[in-house]
Amino acid sequence: MPIGTLVGAALATLAITAAADAQTVQSGHKDTLIEATKSWNGKPYTGYPKGQPELTQIRLTIEPHSALPWHTHPYPNVGYVLKGALTIHDKASGKTETFHEGQSFAESVDDAHRGEAGNQETVVLLTYAGTPGTPPTIPLPGQKPEY
C-alpha cells in the first residue's frame, strides 16, 4: 500500500477521533414541576408501601363536563395536566382546587376524592409509586373504577 494512502487513512482516523472528543459534555437544565411532602389538600405523606417498588405512569383522558367516580389512592402519586383543567374535590372536607394545563399536583392518600373536567377534554399524566399487586386507585363502595 502506498505511503500516501496510509497517511491519508491515519489522518482520517485522527479527524474522526478528534470530532468525537470535541463533543460538549454539560449538565441539562432542570425545571422542578413539583416537590411535595403533602397532598394538594394539605394531608402529609407518612411513607411508602413496603416491598418491591413499582412505578406506574398513565395518561388519563376525561371527557368535557364529566366527573370521575369517588376513589382513594393507597400510596403517593403525582399528576401533571397536559391539556385542559382538572378540578379535584375532597369528599370529606368539601375542599376543591383546580389545576390547569402545565400544572402539577400531589394526590391525596386514603382520602376520598374525584377529579372533574371543565369545558374541554382534560388529559392528565399520572405517576404512581406503589408495589406490585396493589392497585393505584380504589373506588369507594358502589362507585365505578376511576379508569
Protein backbone atom coordinates (compact mmCIF):
# COMPACT_ATOMS: atom_id res chain seq x y z
CA MET A 1 0.00 0.00 0.00
CA PRO A 2 1.47 3.39 -0.94
CA ILE A 3 2.62 5.62 1.89
CA GLY A 4 0.21 8.39 0.83
CA THR A 5 -2.77 6.04 1.32
CA LEU A 6 -1.53 5.04 4.79
CA VAL A 7 -1.01 8.68 5.80
CA GLY A 8 -4.48 9.59 4.47
CA ALA A 9 -6.10 6.75 6.42
CA ALA A 10 -4.25 7.76 9.59
CA LEU A 11 -5.32 11.40 9.22
CA ALA A 12 -8.97 10.37 8.63
CA THR A 13 -8.90 8.25 11.80
CA LEU A 14 -7.44 11.14 13.79
CA ALA A 15 -10.12 13.51 12.44
CA ILE A 16 -12.94 11.13 13.44
CA THR A 17 -11.42 10.65 16.91
CA ALA A 18 -10.97 14.42 17.37
CA ALA A 19 -14.59 15.06 16.31
CA ALA A 20 -15.84 12.52 18.86
CA ASP A 21 -13.68 14.05 21.60
CA ALA A 22 -14.96 17.55 20.71
CA GLN A 23 -18.49 16.68 21.89
CA THR A 24 -19.58 19.05 24.64
CA VAL A 25 -20.42 17.43 27.96
CA GLN A 26 -22.65 19.53 30.16
CA SER A 27 -25.47 19.21 32.64
CA GLY A 28 -29.05 19.53 31.45
CA HIS A 29 -31.49 22.27 32.53
CA LYS A 30 -33.95 21.21 35.25
CA ASP A 31 -37.41 22.67 35.85
CA THR A 32 -38.84 21.24 39.06
CA LEU A 33 -42.54 20.65 38.39
CA ILE A 34 -43.43 19.50 41.88
CA GLU A 35 -41.71 18.65 45.15
CA ALA A 36 -44.18 17.75 47.89
CA THR A 37 -44.32 16.24 51.36
CA LYS A 38 -48.12 16.58 51.46
CA SER A 39 -51.00 16.30 49.03
CA TRP A 40 -52.92 19.13 47.37
CA ASN A 41 -55.47 19.08 50.23
CA GLY A 42 -52.77 19.50 52.90
CA LYS A 43 -52.56 15.94 54.22
CA PRO A 44 -48.89 14.98 54.92
CA TYR A 45 -47.41 11.86 53.35
CA THR A 46 -46.38 9.35 56.02
CA GLY A 47 -44.48 6.74 53.99
CA TYR A 48 -44.39 4.36 51.08
CA PRO A 49 -45.69 0.80 50.97
CA LYS A 50 -43.23 -1.94 51.97
CA GLY A 51 -41.96 -4.36 49.36
CA GLN A 52 -40.73 -4.27 45.78
CA PRO A 53 -41.24 -0.79 44.29
CA GLU A 54 -43.37 -0.50 41.18
CA LEU A 55 -43.68 2.76 39.26
CA THR A 56 -46.72 3.21 37.04
CA GLN A 57 -47.40 6.13 34.73
CA ILE A 58 -50.65 6.59 32.81
CA ARG A 59 -52.22 9.22 30.61
CA LEU A 60 -55.84 9.71 31.71
CA THR A 61 -58.36 11.41 29.43
CA ILE A 62 -61.56 12.84 30.91
CA GLU A 63 -64.40 13.99 28.66
CA PRO A 64 -65.65 17.59 28.99
CA HIS A 65 -68.21 18.25 31.76
CA SER A 66 -67.67 14.86 33.38
CA ALA A 67 -66.50 13.77 36.83
CA LEU A 68 -64.54 10.67 37.76
CA PRO A 69 -66.03 8.30 40.34
CA TRP A 70 -65.11 8.82 44.02
CA HIS A 71 -61.94 6.90 44.86
CA THR A 72 -58.83 6.77 47.06
CA HIS A 73 -55.14 6.05 46.45
CA PRO A 74 -53.19 3.72 48.77
CA TYR A 75 -49.83 5.40 48.10
CA PRO A 76 -48.39 8.74 46.93
CA ASN A 77 -48.69 9.82 43.33
CA VAL A 78 -48.41 12.99 41.28
CA GLY A 79 -50.28 14.37 38.31
CA TYR A 80 -49.47 16.81 35.54
CA VAL A 81 -52.19 18.42 33.43
CA LEU A 82 -51.25 18.03 29.77
CA LYS A 83 -54.46 19.55 28.39
CA GLY A 84 -57.48 21.34 29.83
CA ALA A 85 -58.11 21.76 33.54
CA LEU A 86 -58.78 19.34 36.38
CA THR A 87 -60.77 20.29 39.47
CA ILE A 88 -60.20 17.91 42.37
CA HIS A 89 -62.88 17.58 45.05
CA ASP A 90 -62.14 16.24 48.56
CA LYS A 91 -65.25 14.34 49.72
CA ALA A 92 -64.82 14.77 53.50
CA SER A 93 -63.87 18.43 53.66
CA GLY A 94 -65.55 19.71 50.50
CA LYS A 95 -62.28 21.42 49.55
CA THR A 96 -61.66 21.86 45.82
CA GLU A 97 -58.73 23.03 43.78
CA THR A 98 -58.34 23.46 40.03
CA PHE A 99 -55.13 22.64 38.19
CA HIS A 100 -54.62 23.96 34.66
CA GLU A 101 -52.56 22.87 31.67
CA GLY A 102 -48.88 22.84 32.63
CA GLN A 103 -49.50 22.48 36.39
CA SER A 104 -48.54 19.57 38.64
CA PHE A 105 -50.31 18.37 41.76
CA ALA A 106 -49.64 15.86 44.54
CA GLU A 107 -52.56 13.45 45.03
CA SER A 108 -54.00 12.56 48.40
CA VAL A 109 -53.52 9.16 50.06
CA ASP A 110 -56.51 7.38 51.66
CA ASP A 111 -58.76 10.46 51.22
CA ALA A 112 -61.88 10.04 49.08
CA HIS A 113 -61.77 12.45 46.16
CA ARG A 114 -62.54 12.78 42.48
CA GLY A 115 -61.46 14.83 39.50
CA GLU A 116 -63.71 16.79 37.19
CA ALA A 117 -63.10 18.16 33.70
CA GLY A 118 -64.19 21.62 32.66
CA ASN A 119 -65.45 22.81 29.29
CA GLN A 120 -62.89 20.84 27.28
CA GLU A 121 -61.32 17.42 27.28
CA THR A 122 -58.80 17.09 30.10
CA VAL A 123 -55.67 14.96 29.77
CA VAL A 124 -53.60 14.22 32.87
CA LEU A 125 -50.30 12.36 33.21
CA LEU A 126 -50.35 10.39 36.49
CA THR A 127 -47.30 8.76 38.10
CA TYR A 128 -47.77 6.28 40.96
CA ALA A 129 -45.09 4.97 43.36
CA GLY A 130 -46.57 1.66 44.54
CA THR A 131 -45.91 -2.05 44.82
CA PRO A 132 -46.82 -4.98 42.54
CA GLY A 133 -50.32 -6.30 43.17
CA THR A 134 -51.57 -3.13 44.90
CA PRO A 135 -53.88 -1.15 42.62
CA PRO A 136 -53.07 2.57 42.33
CA THR A 137 -56.71 3.57 42.71
CA ILE A 138 -59.54 2.09 44.80
CA PRO A 139 -63.17 3.02 44.09
CA LEU A 140 -65.46 3.81 47.01
CA PRO A 141 -68.20 1.21 47.60
CA GLY A 142 -70.82 1.42 44.86
CA GLN A 143 -68.58 3.53 42.57
CA LYS A 144 -67.18 2.59 39.17
CA PRO A 145 -63.39 2.30 38.78
CA GLU A 146 -61.57 5.57 38.14
CA TYR A 147 -60.31 4.11 34.83
